[in-house]
Each structure stands twice: as C-alpha cells, then as structure tokens.
Amino acid sequence: MPLLEAEGLTKVFRRPDKDPGLRGSLRHLVRRRYTEQVAVAGVDLAVEAGEAVAYVGPNGAGKSTTVKMLSGILVPTAGSVRVAGLVPHENRVENARRIGVVFGQRTQLWWDLPVQDSLALLRDMHGIGPKRYAQVLERLDAVLELGELLPTTARKLSLGQRMRADLAAALVHEPSIVYLDEPTIGLDLAVKDRVRAFVRQIVADGTTVMLTTHDLGDIEDICRRLVILDGGRIVYDGDLQAVKDAYARDRVMHLTLAEPPASAGGIAARLPLARVSDGATDRELTVTFDRLAVSAVDVLAAASAEAEVVDVRIDEPAIEDVVRKVYAGELRPGAEGVA
C-alpha cells in the first residue's frame, strides 16, 4: 500500500463576487454571489515509502494547495487522501508528527526567538528525548552548519541562513515524509551540495520526499520521478530520466578564449552536430549541443584544438523548459520514449 495516496483530490475556493464600493457591499449582503475557483481538480497520486518525487508546475498550478491538503492544513472539497493510513485533516496532530514541511518563503521558526530555542520547542512538542535530540542535531549541524545560527534570533537571519534553520526545524523529529518547497534557495554552492546529499541520504534511509522546485539540479540530484501539474490537473507523471532525455537535452557552453579566433569555422567544422555562434565579445564563443550526441568534453577538445581556452561555463536547461514543452503539447503521457 502506498505511503501517500490521493484519489480525485479536489479543492474549490469560493470568492465573493460583488461590485466595488459601499453600494456593492450592501447589495452583496442582500443577495450573495460567489465565484468558484478550482485550485486542484481531481488529482490521483500514489507515492511509495522511500520515493523522491518532484512536483512541479507554474505559479497557480495547484502545487501548494495540494501540499496543504496532504499536510492537513486544508480540507479537500472532494476526493480522498491518506498519508501513512491517516486522513490528514481529520488527524492533524498525529499527521503533523509524521511529516516535515518547508513552505518556501514561510518560516516555522519563532520570529523573536533564537534558532536554538525554536528547535528546543519543536523537540518538546514532538517528545524527543535529550540523547536522541543531541544526535539528530549533530547530524543536521554537519550538513547545515547550524552552529553559528543557533544563538541568532530568527528575524536576523538572511534568506540562506533561514532556509538552513527551517530545514533543521522540518527534520528535527525525523519525519517519515517530507514536503520541501525550494529547499536550496539562497544557499551557496557548497551548502547546496551538502543539502542535496543529505536529502538523498534520508531518501536512501526510507524517508519519502515530495520536492517542489524550479532548480533542475535539485530534481536531478534527488528525484527519479517527475509529476507536472497544470491548471490543477496532473498532465505528466513518469520517469524523470525519460523526460530529460527526450526534452531537456540541449546544453549551452560559453567559452572564453585567450585571443580572438581567426574564425569560428574551424571549431564548427570539428563539431558538425553542434551550433557555434559568437559570444558577447570577440574572445567569446557559444556552442549549443545535444548532450546525447556530443559530450562537453568533445566540445572543449574541439575548441582547444583551434584556440587557447581560459574559461568555460555550461548552462543547464531549467525544469521550466520541460514544463513549457508540456503546455505546448510536445510532451504527452504515453508518448514513445517518455511513458
């Protein structure tokens, strides 16, 4: 049985439909009118224990509303949902003990308390013993470098610092399922890599992760499954690698040369399957290539054979590029090579 299971999950919000001004308000008191907005429309989703799922889509697609229903914050309008055998909105306290949540820009830290006090409060709320708490905190500190943050008041933290503290708050009680919304936003590259490695490890240890992010690096490092939401409906649910191979294959390499090349034609001749174009200056070139047809090593070797390369930067495709292809009808569930 899946750890998380939703069938026909639907959420409809009713918003007052009234004319502006005092007259409109008075009329609305006598004759109430409402407009219904469907945020989530019949989502079917099953997630197994220990699975890492990327749950993506544009703003307004229904991602946050789905997660709020899964975490028990919102009550579904229709359909059913169970997390570890519990109906979240009917068993909110017990469900909260089993899940961890990081909601993007919203913190769960107490704003005027030091981070260490917020974590201690969460320790007491979840009934974690002193020895176990010390072990968990030591493990989180090794990844998130919490030492400098613990005595600092939450409101004085930078975005990156707050994200590290919020991740600790979400994981301090070792939940069986974790909902992460942009978990590496504001983090420097070294900490970002450690956070990704830590999330991979907790997945390997059996923790289920639902990840909402626009960072393809997060998704590639952590997830094997991609769920794309559009207009409150799931439009794709399948293997991440298949999607990447089919629709996120292009890479762009920016080369900075020691001297302007006599011609870009020599490099282009060595790379018939790539597209070579001028860069921002006469010492820069841009090479666009299909990573399955041409490797980055091939591109660098071709450029080095014609000129001295002093700097290289590779642009990876964003997950939004894949999502756009879904909306354009280029990516369809069940399509050959993608199902």
Protein backbone atom coordinates (compact mmCIF):
# COMPACT_ATOMS: atom_id res chain seq x y z
CA MET A 1 0.00 0.00 0.00
CA PRO A 2 1.42 3.45 -0.91
CA LEU A 3 2.54 5.70 1.94
CA LEU A 4 0.69 8.60 0.34
CA GLU A 5 -2.45 8.06 -1.71
CA ALA A 6 -4.84 10.64 -3.19
CA GLU A 7 -7.86 9.84 -5.36
CA GLY A 8 -9.86 12.52 -7.13
CA LEU A 9 -8.36 15.13 -4.79
CA THR A 10 -10.15 18.43 -5.44
CA LYS A 11 -10.12 21.85 -3.85
CA VAL A 12 -12.53 24.63 -4.85
CA PHE A 13 -12.35 28.09 -3.30
CA ARG A 14 -15.44 30.33 -3.16
CA ARG A 15 -14.72 34.02 -3.54
CA PRO A 16 -17.28 36.81 -3.01
CA ASP A 17 -18.47 38.29 -6.31
CA LYS A 18 -19.56 41.84 -5.53
CA ASP A 19 -19.44 45.27 -7.11
CA PRO A 20 -16.94 47.77 -5.72
CA GLY A 21 -17.80 50.38 -3.12
CA LEU A 22 -20.37 50.64 -0.35
CA ARG A 23 -23.31 50.05 -2.69
CA GLY A 24 -21.76 46.83 -3.92
CA SER A 25 -21.17 45.67 -0.34
CA LEU A 26 -24.77 46.40 0.66
CA ARG A 27 -26.12 44.54 -2.37
CA HIS A 28 -23.89 41.59 -1.50
CA LEU A 29 -25.41 41.49 1.98
CA VAL A 30 -28.87 41.10 0.48
CA ARG A 31 -28.01 38.91 -2.48
CA ARG A 32 -24.80 36.98 -2.00
CA ARG A 33 -22.97 35.87 -5.09
CA TYR A 34 -19.81 33.82 -5.27
CA THR A 35 -17.30 32.81 -7.91
CA GLU A 36 -15.79 29.36 -7.67
CA GLN A 37 -12.11 28.87 -8.39
CA VAL A 38 -10.86 25.33 -8.88
CA ALA A 39 -7.33 25.14 -7.50
CA VAL A 40 -6.92 21.34 -7.65
CA ALA A 41 -9.10 19.30 -9.98
CA GLY A 42 -9.24 15.55 -9.41
CA VAL A 43 -5.62 14.69 -8.66
CA ASP A 44 -4.77 10.99 -8.45
CA LEU A 45 -1.39 10.40 -6.85
CA ALA A 46 0.30 7.46 -5.16
CA VAL A 47 3.76 7.71 -3.59
CA GLU A 48 5.61 4.74 -2.14
CA ALA A 49 7.70 4.81 1.02
CA GLY A 50 11.26 5.94 0.32
CA GLU A 51 10.35 7.55 -3.00
CA ALA A 52 11.51 11.03 -4.01
CA VAL A 53 9.02 12.83 -6.27
CA ALA A 54 9.44 16.20 -7.99
CA TYR A 55 6.08 18.00 -8.03
CA VAL A 56 6.33 20.94 -10.42
CA GLY A 57 4.26 23.42 -12.38
CA PRO A 58 3.82 27.17 -12.89
CA ASN A 59 2.55 29.57 -10.25
CA GLY A 60 -1.15 28.94 -9.67
CA ALA A 61 -0.99 25.34 -10.90
CA GLY A 62 -2.14 23.99 -7.54
CA LYS A 63 1.14 22.69 -6.08
CA SER A 64 0.95 24.48 -2.74
CA THR A 65 -2.77 23.75 -2.40
CA THR A 66 -2.08 20.05 -2.93
CA VAL A 67 0.67 20.02 -0.31
CA LYS A 68 -1.58 21.88 2.16
CA MET A 69 -4.24 19.19 1.74
CA LEU A 70 -1.64 16.44 2.13
CA SER A 71 -0.36 18.08 5.31
CA GLY A 72 -3.85 18.62 6.77
CA ILE A 73 -3.87 22.43 6.58
CA LEU A 74 -6.72 22.47 4.05
CA VAL A 75 -9.81 20.26 3.85
CA PRO A 76 -10.47 18.82 0.36
CA THR A 77 -13.69 19.83 -1.38
CA ALA A 78 -13.93 16.35 -2.91
CA GLY A 79 -11.90 13.19 -3.24
CA SER A 80 -9.85 11.41 -0.63
CA VAL A 81 -6.31 11.47 0.70
CA ARG A 82 -4.42 9.26 3.12
CA VAL A 83 -0.89 9.68 4.42
CA ALA A 84 0.51 6.68 6.29
CA GLY A 85 -3.06 5.45 6.73
CA LEU A 86 -4.31 8.74 8.20
CA VAL A 87 -6.70 11.30 6.75
CA PRO A 88 -4.59 14.44 7.28
CA HIS A 89 -7.33 16.98 8.06
CA GLU A 90 -9.09 14.56 10.41
CA ASN A 91 -5.91 13.54 12.28
CA ARG A 92 -3.92 16.76 12.17
CA VAL A 93 -1.86 16.27 15.33
CA GLU A 94 -0.85 12.69 14.58
CA ASN A 95 -0.22 13.54 10.93
CA ALA A 96 1.96 16.51 11.94
CA ARG A 97 4.15 14.18 13.99
CA ARG A 98 4.88 12.10 10.90
CA ILE A 99 5.60 14.83 8.35
CA GLY A 100 8.11 17.63 7.85
CA VAL A 101 7.32 20.71 5.79
CA VAL A 102 9.35 23.59 4.37
CA PHE A 103 6.99 26.07 2.72
CA GLY A 104 9.32 28.25 0.67
CA GLN A 105 9.24 31.80 1.95
CA ARG A 106 7.19 30.93 5.06
CA THR A 107 9.17 30.10 8.15
CA GLN A 108 8.17 27.80 11.01
CA LEU A 109 10.69 29.40 13.34
CA TRP A 110 9.54 31.69 16.14
CA TRP A 111 10.45 35.12 14.79
CA ASP A 112 11.72 36.69 18.03
CA LEU A 113 13.43 33.62 19.48
CA PRO A 114 16.96 32.31 18.88
CA VAL A 115 17.04 29.37 16.50
CA GLN A 116 18.15 27.04 19.30
CA ASP A 117 15.02 27.91 21.28
CA SER A 118 12.76 27.25 18.28
CA LEU A 119 14.37 23.84 17.79
CA ALA A 120 14.07 23.11 21.52
CA LEU A 121 10.36 23.93 21.41
CA LEU A 122 9.91 21.56 18.47
CA ARG A 123 11.88 18.93 20.40
CA ASP A 124 9.47 19.20 23.31
CA MET A 125 6.39 19.28 21.05
CA HIS A 126 7.46 16.02 19.41
CA GLY A 127 8.58 14.41 22.66
CA ILE A 128 12.16 13.79 21.54
CA GLY A 129 14.50 12.59 24.30
CA PRO A 130 17.67 14.58 25.12
CA LYS A 131 20.08 11.92 23.83
CA ARG A 132 18.23 11.41 20.56
CA TYR A 133 17.83 15.16 20.09
CA ALA A 134 21.58 15.69 20.53
CA GLN A 135 22.30 13.00 17.91
CA VAL A 136 19.86 14.44 15.39
CA LEU A 137 21.10 18.00 15.94
CA GLU A 138 24.70 16.87 15.48
CA ARG A 139 23.76 15.18 12.19
CA LEU A 140 21.90 18.27 10.95
CA ASP A 141 24.74 20.56 12.03
CA ALA A 142 27.24 18.54 9.98
CA VAL A 143 25.24 19.30 6.83
CA LEU A 144 23.63 22.68 7.50
CA GLU A 145 26.35 24.31 9.66
CA LEU A 146 23.91 25.33 12.35
CA GLY A 147 26.46 26.29 14.99
CA GLU A 148 26.65 29.97 14.04
CA LEU A 149 22.86 30.17 13.62
CA LEU A 150 21.69 28.64 16.90
CA PRO A 151 22.12 31.73 19.13
CA THR A 152 20.78 34.09 16.43
CA THR A 153 17.22 35.44 16.52
CA ALA A 154 15.23 34.16 13.54
CA ARG A 155 14.32 37.65 12.30
CA LYS A 156 18.02 38.50 11.94
CA LEU A 157 18.79 35.58 9.62
CA SER A 158 19.50 36.07 5.94
CA LEU A 159 17.42 34.08 3.44
CA GLY A 160 20.06 31.39 3.07
CA GLN A 161 20.54 31.14 6.85
CA ARG A 162 16.81 30.94 7.44
CA MET A 163 16.43 28.15 4.88
CA ARG A 164 19.11 26.14 6.69
CA ALA A 165 17.37 26.68 10.03
CA ASP A 166 13.95 25.84 8.54
CA LEU A 167 15.32 22.61 7.08
CA ALA A 168 16.57 21.67 10.53
CA ALA A 169 13.17 22.50 12.04
CA ALA A 170 11.40 20.33 9.45
CA LEU A 171 13.71 17.35 10.01
CA VAL A 172 14.46 17.50 13.73
CA HIS A 173 11.75 14.93 14.57
CA GLU A 174 12.87 12.57 11.75
CA PRO A 175 9.56 12.50 9.84
CA SER A 176 8.64 9.62 7.54
CA ILE A 177 7.53 12.02 4.77
CA VAL A 178 8.90 15.48 3.97
CA TYR A 179 7.42 18.18 1.74
CA LEU A 180 10.14 20.55 0.50
CA ASP A 181 9.39 23.78 -1.35
CA GLU A 182 12.58 25.29 -2.88
CA PRO A 183 14.82 23.77 -0.16
CA THR A 184 18.12 25.15 -1.57
CA ILE A 185 17.03 28.71 -2.36
CA GLY A 186 19.56 31.25 -1.08
CA LEU A 187 22.21 28.63 -0.28
CA ASP A 188 25.77 28.87 -1.58
CA LEU A 189 27.06 26.07 -3.81
CA ALA A 190 28.92 24.18 -1.07
CA VAL A 191 25.97 24.11 1.33
CA LYS A 192 23.56 23.38 -1.54
CA ASP A 193 25.57 20.28 -2.47
CA ARG A 194 25.60 19.09 1.15
CA VAL A 195 21.85 19.63 1.49
CA ARG A 196 21.20 17.65 -1.68
CA ALA A 197 23.46 14.85 -0.44
CA PHE A 198 21.66 14.88 2.92
CA VAL A 199 18.23 14.65 1.28
CA ARG A 200 19.46 11.80 -0.92
CA GLN A 201 20.66 10.04 2.22
CA ILE A 202 17.37 10.37 4.09
CA VAL A 203 15.59 9.04 0.99
CA ALA A 204 18.00 6.09 0.93
CA ASP A 205 17.22 5.56 4.63
CA GLY A 206 13.50 5.30 3.81
CA THR A 207 12.17 8.85 4.13
CA THR A 208 9.66 9.85 1.46
CA VAL A 209 10.26 13.25 -0.15
CA MET A 210 7.97 15.41 -2.26
CA LEU A 211 10.04 18.21 -3.77
CA THR A 212 8.67 21.40 -5.30
CA THR A 213 11.41 23.40 -7.01
CA HIS A 214 12.44 25.14 -10.23
CA ASP A 215 16.07 24.10 -9.78
CA LEU A 216 16.79 21.25 -12.19
CA GLY A 217 19.91 20.46 -10.16
CA ASP A 218 17.78 19.73 -7.08
CA ILE A 219 15.47 17.50 -9.09
CA GLU A 220 18.25 15.65 -10.90
CA ASP A 221 20.22 15.02 -7.73
CA ILE A 222 17.29 13.91 -5.57
CA CYS A 223 14.35 12.62 -7.63
CA ARG A 224 13.68 9.80 -10.07
CA ARG A 225 10.05 10.66 -10.72
CA LEU A 226 8.52 13.84 -12.13
CA VAL A 227 4.90 14.94 -11.66
CA ILE A 228 3.83 18.04 -13.64
CA LEU A 229 0.72 19.95 -12.63
CA ASP A 230 -1.14 22.44 -14.85
CA GLY A 231 -4.45 24.10 -14.07
CA GLY A 232 -4.93 21.89 -11.02
CA ARG A 233 -4.55 18.66 -13.01
CA ILE A 234 -1.65 16.25 -13.39
CA VAL A 235 -0.54 16.40 -17.01
CA TYR A 236 2.50 14.16 -16.66
CA ASP A 237 3.57 11.56 -14.11
CA GLY A 238 6.53 9.45 -15.02
CA ASP A 239 10.24 8.80 -15.12
CA LEU A 240 12.44 11.89 -14.83
CA GLN A 241 15.28 10.46 -16.89
CA ALA A 242 12.95 9.73 -19.81
CA VAL A 243 11.72 13.34 -19.79
CA LYS A 244 15.23 14.74 -19.60
CA ASP A 245 16.50 12.53 -22.42
CA ALA A 246 13.60 13.50 -24.65
CA TYR A 247 13.05 17.16 -23.82
CA ALA A 248 15.95 18.62 -21.83
CA ARG A 249 18.92 17.52 -23.91
CA ASP A 250 20.37 20.83 -25.10
CA ARG A 251 23.32 22.37 -23.30
CA VAL A 252 25.00 25.72 -23.96
CA MET A 253 28.76 26.06 -23.41
CA HIS A 254 30.21 29.55 -23.15
CA LEU A 255 33.92 29.65 -24.00
CA THR A 256 36.33 32.48 -23.23
CA LEU A 257 39.49 32.36 -25.36
CA ALA A 258 42.93 33.85 -24.72
CA GLU A 259 42.80 35.66 -28.09
CA PRO A 260 40.11 36.25 -30.70
CA PRO A 261 39.98 33.24 -33.05
CA ALA A 262 40.76 33.79 -36.69
CA SER A 263 37.40 32.17 -37.44
CA ALA A 264 34.78 30.18 -35.63
CA GLY A 265 34.56 27.99 -38.72
CA GLY A 266 37.39 25.70 -37.59
CA ILE A 267 35.62 24.89 -34.34
CA ALA A 268 32.29 24.48 -36.13
CA ALA A 269 33.90 22.08 -38.62
CA ARG A 270 35.05 19.88 -35.76
CA LEU A 271 31.52 19.92 -34.28
CA PRO A 272 29.10 19.21 -37.14
CA LEU A 273 26.33 18.21 -34.72
CA ALA A 274 26.59 21.41 -32.65
CA ARG A 275 25.84 25.07 -33.32
CA VAL A 276 28.69 27.55 -32.86
CA SER A 277 27.97 31.26 -32.56
CA ASP A 278 29.72 34.45 -31.49
CA GLY A 279 29.63 35.45 -27.85
CA ALA A 280 29.31 38.82 -26.16
CA THR A 281 32.91 39.81 -27.07
CA ASP A 282 35.34 38.86 -29.83
CA ARG A 283 37.08 36.47 -27.41
CA GLU A 284 33.93 34.55 -26.56
CA LEU A 285 32.11 31.76 -28.36
CA THR A 286 28.86 29.95 -27.59
CA VAL A 287 28.34 26.31 -28.51
CA THR A 288 24.87 24.75 -28.32
CA PHE A 289 24.86 20.96 -28.39
CA ASP A 290 22.70 17.90 -27.74
CA ARG A 291 24.31 16.17 -24.76
CA LEU A 292 23.35 12.73 -26.09
CA ALA A 293 25.01 13.40 -29.46
CA VAL A 294 28.01 15.46 -28.35
CA SER A 295 29.70 15.48 -24.95
CA ALA A 296 31.01 18.55 -23.18
CA VAL A 297 34.50 17.00 -23.43
CA ASP A 298 34.11 16.83 -27.23
CA VAL A 299 33.17 20.50 -27.38
CA LEU A 300 36.08 21.56 -25.19
CA ALA A 301 38.53 19.43 -27.17
CA ALA A 302 37.36 20.93 -30.47
CA ALA A 303 37.71 24.47 -29.14
CA SER A 304 41.13 23.78 -27.58
CA ALA A 305 42.40 22.46 -30.91
CA GLU A 306 41.72 25.84 -32.51
CA ALA A 307 42.45 28.31 -29.68
CA GLU A 308 43.57 28.53 -26.04
CA VAL A 309 40.54 28.26 -23.76
CA VAL A 310 40.83 30.23 -20.50
CA ASP A 311 37.30 29.86 -19.09
CA VAL A 312 34.26 27.62 -19.57
CA ARG A 313 30.66 27.90 -18.38
CA ILE A 314 27.84 25.47 -19.18
CA ASP A 315 24.18 26.45 -18.97
CA GLU A 316 21.89 23.60 -17.94
CA PRO A 317 18.25 23.61 -19.02
CA ALA A 318 15.75 24.68 -16.39
CA ILE A 319 12.84 22.45 -15.43
CA GLU A 320 10.59 25.25 -16.71
CA ASP A 321 11.78 24.36 -20.24
CA VAL A 322 10.37 20.86 -19.84
CA VAL A 323 7.16 22.24 -18.36
CA ARG A 324 6.74 24.66 -21.29
CA LYS A 325 7.02 21.73 -23.71
CA VAL A 326 4.19 20.01 -21.84
CA TYR A 327 1.97 23.06 -22.29
CA ALA A 328 2.93 23.27 -25.97
CA GLY A 329 1.75 19.68 -26.46
CA GLU A 330 5.25 18.36 -27.23
CA LEU A 331 5.30 16.15 -24.13
CA ARG A 332 2.39 13.75 -23.73
CA PRO A 333 1.86 10.92 -21.25
CA GLY A 334 2.31 7.65 -23.06
CA ALA A 335 4.39 9.20 -25.85
CA GLU A 336 7.06 6.91 -27.23
CA GLY A 337 10.24 7.05 -25.15
CA VAL A 338 8.62 9.12 -22.43
CA ALA A 339 5.96 6.93 -20.82
